Amino acid sequence: MPLPTKMTAVGISKTGNSPDVIEEFQFPVPTPGPNQILIKVEWAGVNWSDAQKRRGVWPLALPPFPFALGVECAGTIVSVPTDDEVLKDEEYKVRSLNIGSRVVSFGMAFPNGPMSEYFVTTWDTVYPLPDEISGRTAIATLTPGCTALPLATEAYNVQAGDYVLVHTVAGSVGLFFAQLNKSRGGIVIGTTSTPEKAAIAKANGADHVIIYKTENVAQRVLEITGGLGVHAIFDGVGKDTFQTNLACIRTKGTIVWLGFASGLVEPFAPHITAMKAAKYVFASAAAYFADRKAGREYVAEVFRLVANGVFKPFVHNEYPLSAAGVHGERAMGGDDR
């Protein structure tokens, strides 16, 4: 069946604090280049990164306006690469990417996002989707899983008995950190804003949850850890939690920044961590996916953890592909803490 010439996409033609800048577009169906794959999109995720792009605070350069939002999709391949070098690439071969294959695609630097009916991308951002994982489950899993797994393995490798502090533990990434770290035998301490969110976090593996609006986070962490502090902190908040992290980390501990929901951390003198010999890592999932083989293995492991019940994805809501569908959506501008 021939492809249509036009497709619906949801994106922006300008930045703004209000979700009202989100629009529906009729874009041409993209023509893939020789090293690219064209996917018929069935599911796309709405993420905090979309809100950052919409507000104009995304740390990378924005694509030319207008562009479609999104960093992930699940769907079916309708066109595969034709470049001989790609077809001979061993990593390409092992992925078995064929017309009709069920796949996912994930990336933080797409020039035009997958919140559209069709999506074109280089083959190395496309991964096989196992038969036992639905597209809906895959999209609820991909971004948080591909963030939590490499960071809790390489930025700091959580071990049994480790005390781990997870900020924004009730958000999608925070819940995956809690689930994963608990499965490894870690003691998970989380922060969140309300008792309702605390209950969700505890149901997903958090041993202790601190309501940061009414409790002193550093004091509670030190009480829980016998005055020693935590082995690792996973922090997507940034500016607001900087001083708290210094108080909560134990000697030779590791602070992993993975975002800046409250703003960028202001410049600081490294010697302030000297007495604890604490390590700082600003970690982006993209860095761990730069190696194609490692990226494929991480995606496969994320889906294995879903199949084994370690990762329990949470779907906040479902929407049709429309601007109205994401207007006011929490991930497009609300507070997930």
C-alpha atoms as a PDB file:
ATOM      1  CA  MET A   1       0.000   0.000   0.000  1.00  0.00           C
ATOM      2  CA  PRO A   2       1.501   3.381  -0.953  1.00  0.00           C
ATOM      3  CA  LEU A   3       2.303   5.825   1.827  1.00  0.00           C
ATOM      4  CA  PRO A   4       0.249   8.998   2.237  1.00  0.00           C
ATOM      5  CA  THR A   5       1.894  12.268   1.256  1.00  0.00           C
ATOM      6  CA  LYS A   6       0.869  14.151   4.431  1.00  0.00           C
ATOM      7  CA  MET A   7       0.770  13.225   8.116  1.00  0.00           C
ATOM      8  CA  THR A   8      -0.484  14.728  11.360  1.00  0.00           C
ATOM      9  CA  ALA A   9       2.148  15.803  13.861  1.00  0.00           C
ATOM     10  CA  VAL A  10       2.051  17.610  17.210  1.00  0.00           C
ATOM     11  CA  GLY A  11       4.737  20.159  17.950  1.00  0.00           C
ATOM     12  CA  ILE A  12       5.630  23.815  18.250  1.00  0.00           C
ATOM     13  CA  SER A  13       6.447  26.729  15.951  1.00  0.00           C
ATOM     14  CA  LYS A  14       7.609  28.906  18.853  1.00  0.00           C
ATOM     15  CA  THR A  15       8.475  28.509  22.524  1.00  0.00           C
ATOM     16  CA  GLY A  16       6.321  29.647  25.428  1.00  0.00           C
ATOM     17  CA  ASN A  17       5.457  28.929  29.046  1.00  0.00           C
ATOM     18  CA  SER A  18       1.871  28.005  28.194  1.00  0.00           C
ATOM     19  CA  PRO A  19       0.922  24.679  26.600  1.00  0.00           C
ATOM     20  CA  ASP A  20      -1.132  26.790  24.183  1.00  0.00           C
ATOM     21  CA  VAL A  21       1.948  27.025  21.939  1.00  0.00           C
ATOM     22  CA  ILE A  22       1.512  23.316  21.126  1.00  0.00           C
ATOM     23  CA  GLU A  23      -0.008  22.924  17.667  1.00  0.00           C
ATOM     24  CA  GLU A  24      -1.152  20.307  15.206  1.00  0.00           C
ATOM     25  CA  PHE A  25       0.615  20.313  11.859  1.00  0.00           C
ATOM     26  CA  GLN A  26       0.207  18.630   8.533  1.00  0.00           C
ATOM     27  CA  PHE A  27       3.783  17.743   7.590  1.00  0.00           C
ATOM     28  CA  PRO A  28       4.923  15.816   4.507  1.00  0.00           C
ATOM     29  CA  VAL A  29       5.578  12.164   5.266  1.00  0.00           C
ATOM     30  CA  PRO A  30       9.379  12.111   5.541  1.00  0.00           C
ATOM     31  CA  THR A  31      11.483  10.453   2.882  1.00  0.00           C
ATOM     32  CA  PRO A  32      14.171   8.324   4.551  1.00  0.00           C
ATOM     33  CA  GLY A  33      17.808   8.709   3.602  1.00  0.00           C
ATOM     34  CA  PRO A  34      20.007   5.713   2.777  1.00  0.00           C
ATOM     35  CA  ASN A  35      20.949   5.126   6.450  1.00  0.00           C
ATOM     36  CA  GLN A  36      17.497   5.798   7.882  1.00  0.00           C
ATOM     37  CA  ILE A  37      14.400   3.854   8.881  1.00  0.00           C
ATOM     38  CA  LEU A  38      10.809   5.034   8.478  1.00  0.00           C
ATOM     39  CA  ILE A  39       8.433   3.947  11.249  1.00  0.00           C
ATOM     40  CA  LYS A  40       4.645   4.016  11.253  1.00  0.00           C
ATOM     41  CA  VAL A  41       4.085   5.292  14.777  1.00  0.00           C
ATOM     42  CA  GLU A  42       1.538   3.552  16.996  1.00  0.00           C
ATOM     43  CA  TRP A  43       2.515   4.984  20.388  1.00  0.00           C
ATOM     44  CA  ALA A  44       4.527   8.036  21.414  1.00  0.00           C
ATOM     45  CA  GLY A  45       5.395   9.198  24.908  1.00  0.00           C
ATOM     46  CA  VAL A  46       4.910  12.606  26.515  1.00  0.00           C
ATOM     47  CA  ASN A  47       7.924  13.473  28.653  1.00  0.00           C
ATOM     48  CA  TRP A  48       9.384  16.247  30.754  1.00  0.00           C
ATOM     49  CA  SER A  49      11.885  16.926  27.967  1.00  0.00           C
ATOM     50  CA  ASP A  50       8.944  17.973  25.763  1.00  0.00           C
ATOM     51  CA  ALA A  51       8.025  20.617  28.328  1.00  0.00           C
ATOM     52  CA  GLN A  52      11.616  21.840  28.386  1.00  0.00           C
ATOM     53  CA  LYS A  53      11.648  22.184  24.604  1.00  0.00           C
ATOM     54  CA  ARG A  54       8.277  23.899  24.615  1.00  0.00           C
ATOM     55  CA  ARG A  55       9.498  26.391  27.245  1.00  0.00           C
ATOM     56  CA  GLY A  56      12.796  27.000  25.458  1.00  0.00           C
ATOM     57  CA  VAL A  57      14.974  25.666  28.302  1.00  0.00           C
ATOM     58  CA  TRP A  58      16.148  22.489  26.588  1.00  0.00           C
ATOM     59  CA  PRO A  59      19.964  22.282  27.066  1.00  0.00           C
ATOM     60  CA  LEU A  60      20.588  21.316  23.428  1.00  0.00           C
ATOM     61  CA  ALA A  61      19.938  23.498  20.406  1.00  0.00           C
ATOM     62  CA  LEU A  62      16.320  23.290  19.286  1.00  0.00           C
ATOM     63  CA  PRO A  63      15.587  22.143  15.728  1.00  0.00           C
ATOM     64  CA  PRO A  64      14.329  24.741  13.224  1.00  0.00           C
ATOM     65  CA  PHE A  65      10.664  25.673  13.741  1.00  0.00           C
ATOM     66  CA  PRO A  66       8.192  24.164  13.302  1.00  0.00           C
ATOM     67  CA  PHE A  67       9.045  20.702  14.594  1.00  0.00           C
ATOM     68  CA  ALA A  68       7.298  17.721  16.125  1.00  0.00           C
ATOM     69  CA  LEU A  69       7.832  16.983  19.815  1.00  0.00           C
ATOM     70  CA  GLY A  70       8.718  13.629  21.369  1.00  0.00           C
ATOM     71  CA  VAL A  71      11.757  11.504  22.172  1.00  0.00           C
ATOM     72  CA  GLU A  72      10.360   7.974  21.833  1.00  0.00           C
ATOM     73  CA  CYS A  73       7.922   5.905  19.825  1.00  0.00           C
ATOM     74  CA  ALA A  74       6.793   2.366  19.195  1.00  0.00           C
ATOM     75  CA  GLY A  75       5.549   1.185  15.850  1.00  0.00           C
ATOM     76  CA  THR A  76       6.230  -0.813  12.699  1.00  0.00           C
ATOM     77  CA  ILE A  77       8.992  -0.399  10.132  1.00  0.00           C
ATOM     78  CA  VAL A  78       7.783   0.611   6.672  1.00  0.00           C
ATOM     79  CA  SER A  79      11.162   1.390   5.089  1.00  0.00           C
ATOM     80  CA  VAL A  80      14.711   0.176   5.812  1.00  0.00           C
ATOM     81  CA  PRO A  81      18.187   1.503   4.928  1.00  0.00           C
ATOM     82  CA  THR A  82      19.660   1.011   1.474  1.00  0.00           C
ATOM     83  CA  ASP A  83      23.248   2.064   2.195  1.00  0.00           C
ATOM     84  CA  ASP A  84      25.635  -0.868   1.634  1.00  0.00           C
ATOM     85  CA  GLU A  85      27.808   0.110   4.601  1.00  0.00           C
ATOM     86  CA  VAL A  86      24.782   0.003   6.884  1.00  0.00           C
ATOM     87  CA  LEU A  87      23.609  -3.335   5.512  1.00  0.00           C
ATOM     88  CA  LYS A  88      27.063  -4.819   6.158  1.00  0.00           C
ATOM     89  CA  ASP A  89      27.305  -3.372   9.688  1.00  0.00           C
ATOM     90  CA  GLU A  90      27.317  -6.218  12.243  1.00  0.00           C
ATOM     91  CA  GLU A  91      25.325  -4.185  14.767  1.00  0.00           C
ATOM     92  CA  TYR A  92      22.665  -3.487  12.151  1.00  0.00           C
ATOM     93  CA  LYS A  93      22.487  -7.171  11.264  1.00  0.00           C
ATOM     94  CA  VAL A  94      22.050  -8.341  14.847  1.00  0.00           C
ATOM     95  CA  ARG A  95      19.040  -6.071  15.348  1.00  0.00           C
ATOM     96  CA  SER A  96      17.095  -7.798  12.522  1.00  0.00           C
ATOM     97  CA  LEU A  97      15.346  -4.604  11.441  1.00  0.00           C
ATOM     98  CA  ASN A  98      13.043  -5.555   8.581  1.00  0.00           C
ATOM     99  CA  ILE A  99       9.926  -4.127   6.968  1.00  0.00           C
ATOM    100  CA  GLY A 100       7.049  -5.078   9.255  1.00  0.00           C
ATOM    101  CA  SER A 101       9.262  -5.470  12.362  1.00  0.00           C
ATOM    102  CA  ARG A 102       7.856  -4.141  15.644  1.00  0.00           C
ATOM    103  CA  VAL A 103      10.348  -1.637  16.998  1.00  0.00           C
ATOM    104  CA  VAL A 104      10.935   1.253  19.355  1.00  0.00           C
ATOM    105  CA  SER A 105      13.040   4.346  18.818  1.00  0.00           C
ATOM    106  CA  PHE A 106      14.551   6.489  21.538  1.00  0.00           C
ATOM    107  CA  GLY A 107      16.750   9.587  21.472  1.00  0.00           C
ATOM    108  CA  MET A 108      17.122  13.027  23.027  1.00  0.00           C
ATOM    109  CA  ALA A 109      18.435  14.872  19.968  1.00  0.00           C
ATOM    110  CA  PHE A 110      15.958  14.027  17.210  1.00  0.00           C
ATOM    111  CA  PRO A 111      15.703  16.941  14.732  1.00  0.00           C
ATOM    112  CA  ASN A 112      11.995  16.189  14.338  1.00  0.00           C
ATOM    113  CA  GLY A 113      10.333  14.166  17.082  1.00  0.00           C
ATOM    114  CA  PRO A 114       8.119  11.091  16.809  1.00  0.00           C
ATOM    115  CA  MET A 115       4.891  12.705  18.028  1.00  0.00           C
ATOM    116  CA  SER A 116       3.585  12.131  14.509  1.00  0.00           C
ATOM    117  CA  GLU A 117       2.007   9.454  12.336  1.00  0.00           C
ATOM    118  CA  TYR A 118       5.326   8.581  10.694  1.00  0.00           C
ATOM    119  CA  PHE A 119       8.841   9.040  12.010  1.00  0.00           C
ATOM    120  CA  VAL A 120      12.185   8.861  10.234  1.00  0.00           C
ATOM    121  CA  THR A 121      15.453   8.338  12.098  1.00  0.00           C
ATOM    122  CA  THR A 122      18.885   6.813  11.687  1.00  0.00           C
ATOM    123  CA  TRP A 123      18.888   3.047  12.137  1.00  0.00           C
ATOM    124  CA  ASP A 124      21.056   3.121  15.247  1.00  0.00           C
ATOM    125  CA  THR A 125      18.261   4.700  17.312  1.00  0.00           C
ATOM    126  CA  VAL A 126      15.861   1.846  16.427  1.00  0.00           C
ATOM    127  CA  TYR A 127      15.617  -1.285  18.571  1.00  0.00           C
ATOM    128  CA  PRO A 128      13.622  -4.523  18.321  1.00  0.00           C
ATOM    129  CA  LEU A 129      10.458  -4.753  20.420  1.00  0.00           C
ATOM    130  CA  PRO A 130       9.955  -8.237  21.909  1.00  0.00           C
ATOM    131  CA  ASP A 131       6.683  -9.987  21.099  1.00  0.00           C
ATOM    132  CA  GLU A 132       5.701 -10.191  24.766  1.00  0.00           C
ATOM    133  CA  ILE A 133       5.912  -6.403  25.259  1.00  0.00           C
ATOM    134  CA  SER A 134       3.054  -4.269  23.919  1.00  0.00           C
ATOM    135  CA  GLY A 135       3.755  -0.929  22.298  1.00  0.00           C
ATOM    136  CA  ARG A 136       1.842   0.800  25.083  1.00  0.00           C
ATOM    137  CA  THR A 137       3.987  -0.853  27.750  1.00  0.00           C
ATOM    138  CA  ALA A 138       7.146  -0.144  25.785  1.00  0.00           C
ATOM    139  CA  ILE A 139       6.472   3.588  25.654  1.00  0.00           C
ATOM    140  CA  ALA A 140       5.630   3.711  29.371  1.00  0.00           C
ATOM    141  CA  THR A 141       8.975   1.997  29.985  1.00  0.00           C
ATOM    142  CA  LEU A 142      11.503   3.272  27.474  1.00  0.00           C
ATOM    143  CA  THR A 143      12.572   6.705  28.757  1.00  0.00           C
ATOM    144  CA  PRO A 144      12.479   5.978  32.507  1.00  0.00           C
ATOM    145  CA  GLY A 145      14.010   2.528  32.056  1.00  0.00           C
ATOM    146  CA  CYS A 146      16.756   3.705  29.720  1.00  0.00           C
ATOM    147  CA  THR A 147      17.558   6.444  32.231  1.00  0.00           C
ATOM    148  CA  ALA A 148      17.457   4.480  35.477  1.00  0.00           C
ATOM    149  CA  LEU A 149      19.240   1.335  34.280  1.00  0.00           C
ATOM    150  CA  PRO A 150      22.489   2.817  32.898  1.00  0.00           C
ATOM    151  CA  LEU A 151      22.738   5.470  35.626  1.00  0.00           C
ATOM    152  CA  ALA A 152      22.237   2.944  38.441  1.00  0.00           C
ATOM    153  CA  THR A 153      24.772   0.655  36.751  1.00  0.00           C
ATOM    154  CA  GLU A 154      27.521   2.949  35.500  1.00  0.00           C
ATOM    155  CA  ALA A 155      27.153   6.392  37.105  1.00  0.00           C
ATOM    156  CA  TYR A 156      26.865   4.538  40.422  1.00  0.00           C
ATOM    157  CA  ASN A 157      26.480   0.771  40.508  1.00  0.00           C
ATOM    158  CA  VAL A 158      23.938   0.154  43.256  1.00  0.00           C
ATOM    159  CA  GLN A 159      24.722  -2.889  45.392  1.00  0.00           C
ATOM    160  CA  ALA A 160      22.852  -4.808  48.103  1.00  0.00           C
ATOM    161  CA  GLY A 161      22.869  -2.859  51.342  1.00  0.00           C
ATOM    162  CA  ASP A 162      23.501   0.531  49.747  1.00  0.00           C
ATOM    163  CA  TYR A 163      21.465   3.466  51.004  1.00  0.00           C
ATOM    164  CA  VAL A 164      20.206   5.357  47.963  1.00  0.00           C
ATOM    165  CA  LEU A 165      18.411   8.714  47.913  1.00  0.00           C
ATOM    166  CA  VAL A 166      16.083   9.316  44.953  1.00  0.00           C
ATOM    167  CA  HIS A 167      14.673  12.812  44.516  1.00  0.00           C
ATOM    168  CA  THR A 168      11.266  13.120  42.817  1.00  0.00           C
ATOM    169  CA  VAL A 169      10.746   9.461  43.614  1.00  0.00           C
ATOM    170  CA  ALA A 170       7.065   9.526  42.581  1.00  0.00           C
ATOM    171  CA  GLY A 171       7.827  10.600  39.022  1.00  0.00           C
ATOM    172  CA  SER A 172       8.206   8.052  36.239  1.00  0.00           C
ATOM    173  CA  VAL A 173      12.013   7.983  36.374  1.00  0.00           C
ATOM    174  CA  GLY A 174      12.015   8.082  40.180  1.00  0.00           C
ATOM    175  CA  LEU A 175       9.706   5.081  40.390  1.00  0.00           C
ATOM    176  CA  PHE A 176      11.989   3.108  38.081  1.00  0.00           C
ATOM    177  CA  PHE A 177      15.003   4.014  40.220  1.00  0.00           C
ATOM    178  CA  ALA A 178      13.097   2.807  43.276  1.00  0.00           C
ATOM    179  CA  GLN A 179      12.015  -0.445  41.629  1.00  0.00           C
ATOM    180  CA  LEU A 180      15.457  -1.219  40.244  1.00  0.00           C
ATOM    181  CA  ASN A 181      17.442  -0.316  43.359  1.00  0.00           C
ATOM    182  CA  LYS A 182      15.064  -2.281  45.581  1.00  0.00           C
ATOM    183  CA  SER A 183      15.435  -5.329  43.324  1.00  0.00           C
ATOM    184  CA  ARG A 184      19.210  -5.146  43.873  1.00  0.00           C
ATOM    185  CA  GLY A 185      18.861  -5.070  47.645  1.00  0.00           C
ATOM    186  CA  GLY A 186      19.356  -1.341  48.119  1.00  0.00           C
ATOM    187  CA  ILE A 187      17.617   0.662  50.840  1.00  0.00           C
ATOM    188  CA  VAL A 188      15.671   3.313  48.947  1.00  0.00           C
ATOM    189  CA  ILE A 189      14.956   6.724  50.453  1.00  0.00           C
ATOM    190  CA  GLY A 190      12.804   8.988  48.330  1.00  0.00           C
ATOM    191  CA  THR A 191      11.630  12.586  48.417  1.00  0.00           C
ATOM    192  CA  THR A 192       8.296  13.823  47.132  1.00  0.00           C
ATOM    193  CA  SER A 193       5.752  16.554  47.762  1.00  0.00           C
ATOM    194  CA  THR A 194       2.574  14.875  49.101  1.00  0.00           C
ATOM    195  CA  PRO A 195       1.457  11.872  51.167  1.00  0.00           C
ATOM    196  CA  GLU A 196      -0.434  10.576  48.133  1.00  0.00           C
ATOM    197  CA  LYS A 197       2.749  10.489  46.070  1.00  0.00           C
ATOM    198  CA  ALA A 198       4.611   8.966  49.008  1.00  0.00           C
ATOM    199  CA  ALA A 199       2.130   6.071  49.023  1.00  0.00           C
ATOM    200  CA  ILE A 200       2.781   5.465  45.316  1.00  0.00           C
ATOM    201  CA  ALA A 201       6.535   5.475  45.909  1.00  0.00           C
ATOM    202  CA  LYS A 202       6.294   3.008  48.800  1.00  0.00           C
ATOM    203  CA  ALA A 203       4.182   0.686  46.657  1.00  0.00           C
ATOM    204  CA  ASN A 204       7.016   0.745  44.114  1.00  0.00           C
ATOM    205  CA  GLY A 205       9.925  -0.146  46.370  1.00  0.00           C
ATOM    206  CA  ALA A 206      10.788   2.954  48.398  1.00  0.00           C
ATOM    207  CA  ASP A 207      11.592   1.971  51.990  1.00  0.00           C
ATOM    208  CA  HIS A 208      11.383   5.522  53.343  1.00  0.00           C
ATOM    209  CA  VAL A 209       9.716   8.548  51.767  1.00  0.00           C
ATOM    210  CA  ILE A 210      10.326  12.092  52.968  1.00  0.00           C
ATOM    211  CA  ILE A 211       7.758  14.816  52.287  1.00  0.00           C
ATOM    212  CA  TYR A 212      10.178  17.624  51.481  1.00  0.00           C
ATOM    213  CA  LYS A 213       7.542  20.342  51.937  1.00  0.00           C
ATOM    214  CA  THR A 214       7.014  19.499  55.610  1.00  0.00           C
ATOM    215  CA  GLU A 215      10.138  17.580  56.670  1.00  0.00           C
ATOM    216  CA  ASN A 216      13.840  18.384  56.869  1.00  0.00           C
ATOM    217  CA  VAL A 217      15.265  16.085  54.214  1.00  0.00           C
ATOM    218  CA  ALA A 218      18.878  16.076  55.412  1.00  0.00           C
ATOM    219  CA  GLN A 219      17.861  15.495  59.033  1.00  0.00           C
ATOM    220  CA  ARG A 220      15.605  12.574  58.103  1.00  0.00           C
ATOM    221  CA  VAL A 221      18.253  11.010  55.833  1.00  0.00           C
ATOM    222  CA  LEU A 222      20.850  11.130  58.577  1.00  0.00           C
ATOM    223  CA  GLU A 223      18.369   9.602  61.044  1.00  0.00           C
ATOM    224  CA  ILE A 224      17.612   6.748  58.651  1.00  0.00           C
ATOM    225  CA  THR A 225      21.288   6.068  57.892  1.00  0.00           C
ATOM    226  CA  GLY A 226      22.572   6.281  61.460  1.00  0.00           C
ATOM    227  CA  GLY A 227      24.285   9.589  60.794  1.00  0.00           C
ATOM    228  CA  LEU A 228      26.408   8.267  57.912  1.00  0.00           C
ATOM    229  CA  GLY A 229      24.426   9.516  54.926  1.00  0.00           C
ATOM    230  CA  VAL A 230      23.638   7.704  51.707  1.00  0.00           C
ATOM    231  CA  HIS A 231      25.978   5.914  49.320  1.00  0.00           C
ATOM    232  CA  ALA A 232      24.405   7.511  46.247  1.00  0.00           C
ATOM    233  CA  ILE A 233      21.945  10.223  45.282  1.00  0.00           C
ATOM    234  CA  PHE A 234      20.011  10.288  42.012  1.00  0.00           C
ATOM    235  CA  ASP A 235      18.828  13.849  41.483  1.00  0.00           C
ATOM    236  CA  GLY A 236      16.726  15.259  38.663  1.00  0.00           C
ATOM    237  CA  VAL A 237      15.910  18.480  40.538  1.00  0.00           C
ATOM    238  CA  GLY A 238      19.204  20.384  40.397  1.00  0.00           C
ATOM    239  CA  LYS A 239      19.452  23.816  41.976  1.00  0.00           C
ATOM    240  CA  ASP A 240      16.990  23.368  44.875  1.00  0.00           C
ATOM    241  CA  THR A 241      18.590  20.154  46.174  1.00  0.00           C
ATOM    242  CA  PHE A 242      22.284  21.054  45.858  1.00  0.00           C
ATOM    243  CA  GLN A 243      22.931  21.965  49.496  1.00  0.00           C
ATOM    244  CA  THR A 244      20.714  19.141  50.745  1.00  0.00           C
ATOM    245  CA  ASN A 245      22.737  16.651  48.722  1.00  0.00           C
ATOM    246  CA  LEU A 246      25.984  17.830  50.321  1.00  0.00           C
ATOM    247  CA  ALA A 247      24.484  17.176  53.743  1.00  0.00           C
ATOM    248  CA  CYS A 248      23.011  13.786  52.783  1.00  0.00           C
ATOM    249  CA  ILE A 249      25.926  12.158  50.980  1.00  0.00           C
ATOM    250  CA  ARG A 250      28.276   9.980  53.018  1.00  0.00           C
ATOM    251  CA  THR A 251      32.061   9.929  52.801  1.00  0.00           C
ATOM    252  CA  LYS A 252      33.154   8.689  49.347  1.00  0.00           C
ATOM    253  CA  GLY A 253      29.558   8.745  48.144  1.00  0.00           C
ATOM    254  CA  THR A 254      28.374   9.641  44.655  1.00  0.00           C
ATOM    255  CA  ILE A 255      25.890  12.345  43.633  1.00  0.00           C
ATOM    256  CA  VAL A 256      24.373  11.692  40.222  1.00  0.00           C
ATOM    257  CA  TRP A 257      22.630  14.614  38.545  1.00  0.00           C
ATOM    258  CA  LEU A 258      20.269  13.632  35.770  1.00  0.00           C
ATOM    259  CA  GLY A 259      18.240  16.797  35.316  1.00  0.00           C
ATOM    260  CA  PHE A 260      17.513  20.294  36.526  1.00  0.00           C
ATOM    261  CA  ALA A 261      13.755  20.651  37.065  1.00  0.00           C
ATOM    262  CA  SER A 262      14.330  23.535  39.500  1.00  0.00           C
ATOM    263  CA  GLY A 263      17.089  25.167  37.445  1.00  0.00           C
ATOM    264  CA  LEU A 264      20.776  24.667  36.794  1.00  0.00           C
ATOM    265  CA  VAL A 265      23.117  24.299  39.741  1.00  0.00           C
ATOM    266  CA  GLU A 266      25.106  27.488  40.204  1.00  0.00           C
ATOM    267  CA  PRO A 267      28.895  27.303  39.769  1.00  0.00           C
ATOM    268  CA  PHE A 268      30.663  26.033  42.884  1.00  0.00           C
ATOM    269  CA  ALA A 269      34.203  25.427  44.075  1.00  0.00           C
ATOM    270  CA  PRO A 270      35.039  21.700  43.963  1.00  0.00           C
ATOM    271  CA  HIS A 271      36.862  21.854  47.301  1.00  0.00           C
ATOM    272  CA  ILE A 272      33.535  22.060  49.173  1.00  0.00           C
ATOM    273  CA  THR A 273      33.272  18.274  48.773  1.00  0.00           C
ATOM    274  CA  ALA A 274      36.830  17.603  49.946  1.00  0.00           C
ATOM    275  CA  MET A 275      36.053  16.502  53.507  1.00  0.00           C
ATOM    276  CA  LYS A 276      33.737  13.791  52.177  1.00  0.00           C
ATOM    277  CA  ALA A 277      35.662  12.974  49.000  1.00  0.00           C
ATOM    278  CA  ALA A 278      32.260  12.924  47.323  1.00  0.00           C
ATOM    279  CA  LYS A 279      31.983  12.389  43.571  1.00  0.00           C
ATOM    280  CA  TYR A 280      29.692  14.308  41.228  1.00  0.00           C
ATOM    281  CA  VAL A 281      28.466  12.892  37.943  1.00  0.00           C
ATOM    282  CA  PHE A 282      26.201  14.786  35.565  1.00  0.00           C
ATOM    283  CA  ALA A 283      24.856  11.849  33.611  1.00  0.00           C
ATOM    284  CA  SER A 284      22.777  11.809  30.452  1.00  0.00           C
ATOM    285  CA  ALA A 285      21.330   8.561  29.174  1.00  0.00           C
ATOM    286  CA  ALA A 286      22.524   9.633  25.728  1.00  0.00           C
ATOM    287  CA  ALA A 287      26.138   9.154  26.810  1.00  0.00           C
ATOM    288  CA  TYR A 288      25.515   5.495  27.608  1.00  0.00           C
ATOM    289  CA  PHE A 289      23.801   4.947  24.249  1.00  0.00           C
ATOM    290  CA  ALA A 290      26.636   6.445  22.200  1.00  0.00           C
ATOM    291  CA  ASP A 291      28.072   2.930  21.981  1.00  0.00           C
ATOM    292  CA  ARG A 292      25.581   1.184  19.687  1.00  0.00           C
ATOM    293  CA  LYS A 293      26.064  -2.279  21.123  1.00  0.00           C
ATOM    294  CA  ALA A 294      25.734  -1.027  24.705  1.00  0.00           C
ATOM    295  CA  GLY A 295      22.583   0.901  23.792  1.00  0.00           C
ATOM    296  CA  ARG A 296      20.963  -2.166  22.261  1.00  0.00           C
ATOM    297  CA  GLU A 297      21.886  -4.253  25.292  1.00  0.00           C
ATOM    298  CA  TYR A 298      20.430  -1.681  27.672  1.00  0.00           C
ATOM    299  CA  VAL A 299      17.139  -1.564  25.758  1.00  0.00           C
ATOM    300  CA  ALA A 300      16.952  -5.368  25.738  1.00  0.00           C
ATOM    301  CA  GLU A 301      17.682  -5.475  29.471  1.00  0.00           C
ATOM    302  CA  VAL A 302      14.988  -2.873  30.167  1.00  0.00           C
ATOM    303  CA  PHE A 303      12.424  -5.049  28.416  1.00  0.00           C
ATOM    304  CA  ARG A 304      13.704  -8.138  30.240  1.00  0.00           C
ATOM    305  CA  LEU A 305      13.201  -6.340  33.551  1.00  0.00           C
ATOM    306  CA  VAL A 306       9.634  -5.489  32.485  1.00  0.00           C
ATOM    307  CA  ALA A 307       8.950  -9.128  31.576  1.00  0.00           C
ATOM    308  CA  ASN A 308      10.392 -10.261  34.935  1.00  0.00           C
ATOM    309  CA  GLY A 309       8.264  -7.797  36.890  1.00  0.00           C
ATOM    310  CA  VAL A 310      11.113  -5.609  38.179  1.00  0.00           C
ATOM    311  CA  PHE A 311      10.029  -2.593  36.153  1.00  0.00           C
ATOM    312  CA  LYS A 312       6.327  -1.860  36.547  1.00  0.00           C
ATOM    313  CA  PRO A 313       5.476   0.925  34.106  1.00  0.00           C
ATOM    314  CA  PHE A 314       2.760   3.383  35.047  1.00  0.00           C
ATOM    315  CA  VAL A 315       0.571   4.986  32.376  1.00  0.00           C
ATOM    316  CA  HIS A 316      -0.731   8.331  33.600  1.00  0.00           C
ATOM    317  CA  ASN A 317      -3.193   8.710  30.730  1.00  0.00           C
ATOM    318  CA  GLU A 318      -3.726   8.050  27.029  1.00  0.00           C
ATOM    319  CA  TYR A 319      -4.506  10.686  24.396  1.00  0.00           C
ATOM    320  CA  PRO A 320      -5.158  10.809  20.674  1.00  0.00           C
ATOM    321  CA  LEU A 321      -2.499  12.382  18.471  1.00  0.00           C
ATOM    322  CA  SER A 322      -3.652  15.987  18.837  1.00  0.00           C
ATOM    323  CA  ALA A 323      -2.572  19.259  20.400  1.00  0.00           C
ATOM    324  CA  ALA A 324      -5.562  19.063  22.715  1.00  0.00           C
ATOM    325  CA  GLY A 325      -4.361  15.671  23.879  1.00  0.00           C
ATOM    326  CA  VAL A 326      -1.251  17.087  25.492  1.00  0.00           C
ATOM    327  CA  HIS A 327      -2.550  20.500  26.580  1.00  0.00           C
ATOM    328  CA  GLY A 328      -2.279  20.716  30.343  1.00  0.00           C
ATOM    329  CA  GLU A 329      -0.710  17.290  30.568  1.00  0.00           C
ATOM    330  CA  ARG A 330       1.453  17.053  33.695  1.00  0.00           C
ATOM    331  CA  ALA A 331       4.570  16.059  31.800  1.00  0.00           C
ATOM    332  CA  MET A 332       4.160  19.115  29.576  1.00  0.00           C
ATOM    333  CA  GLY A 333       4.524  21.590  32.367  1.00  0.00           C
ATOM    334  CA  GLY A 334       3.387  20.427  35.792  1.00  0.00           C
ATOM    335  CA  ASP A 335       5.307  19.656  38.954  1.00  0.00           C
ATOM    336  CA  ASP A 336       6.140  15.948  39.143  1.00  0.00           C
ATOM    337  CA  ARG A 337       7.914  16.187  42.463  1.00  0.00           C
END
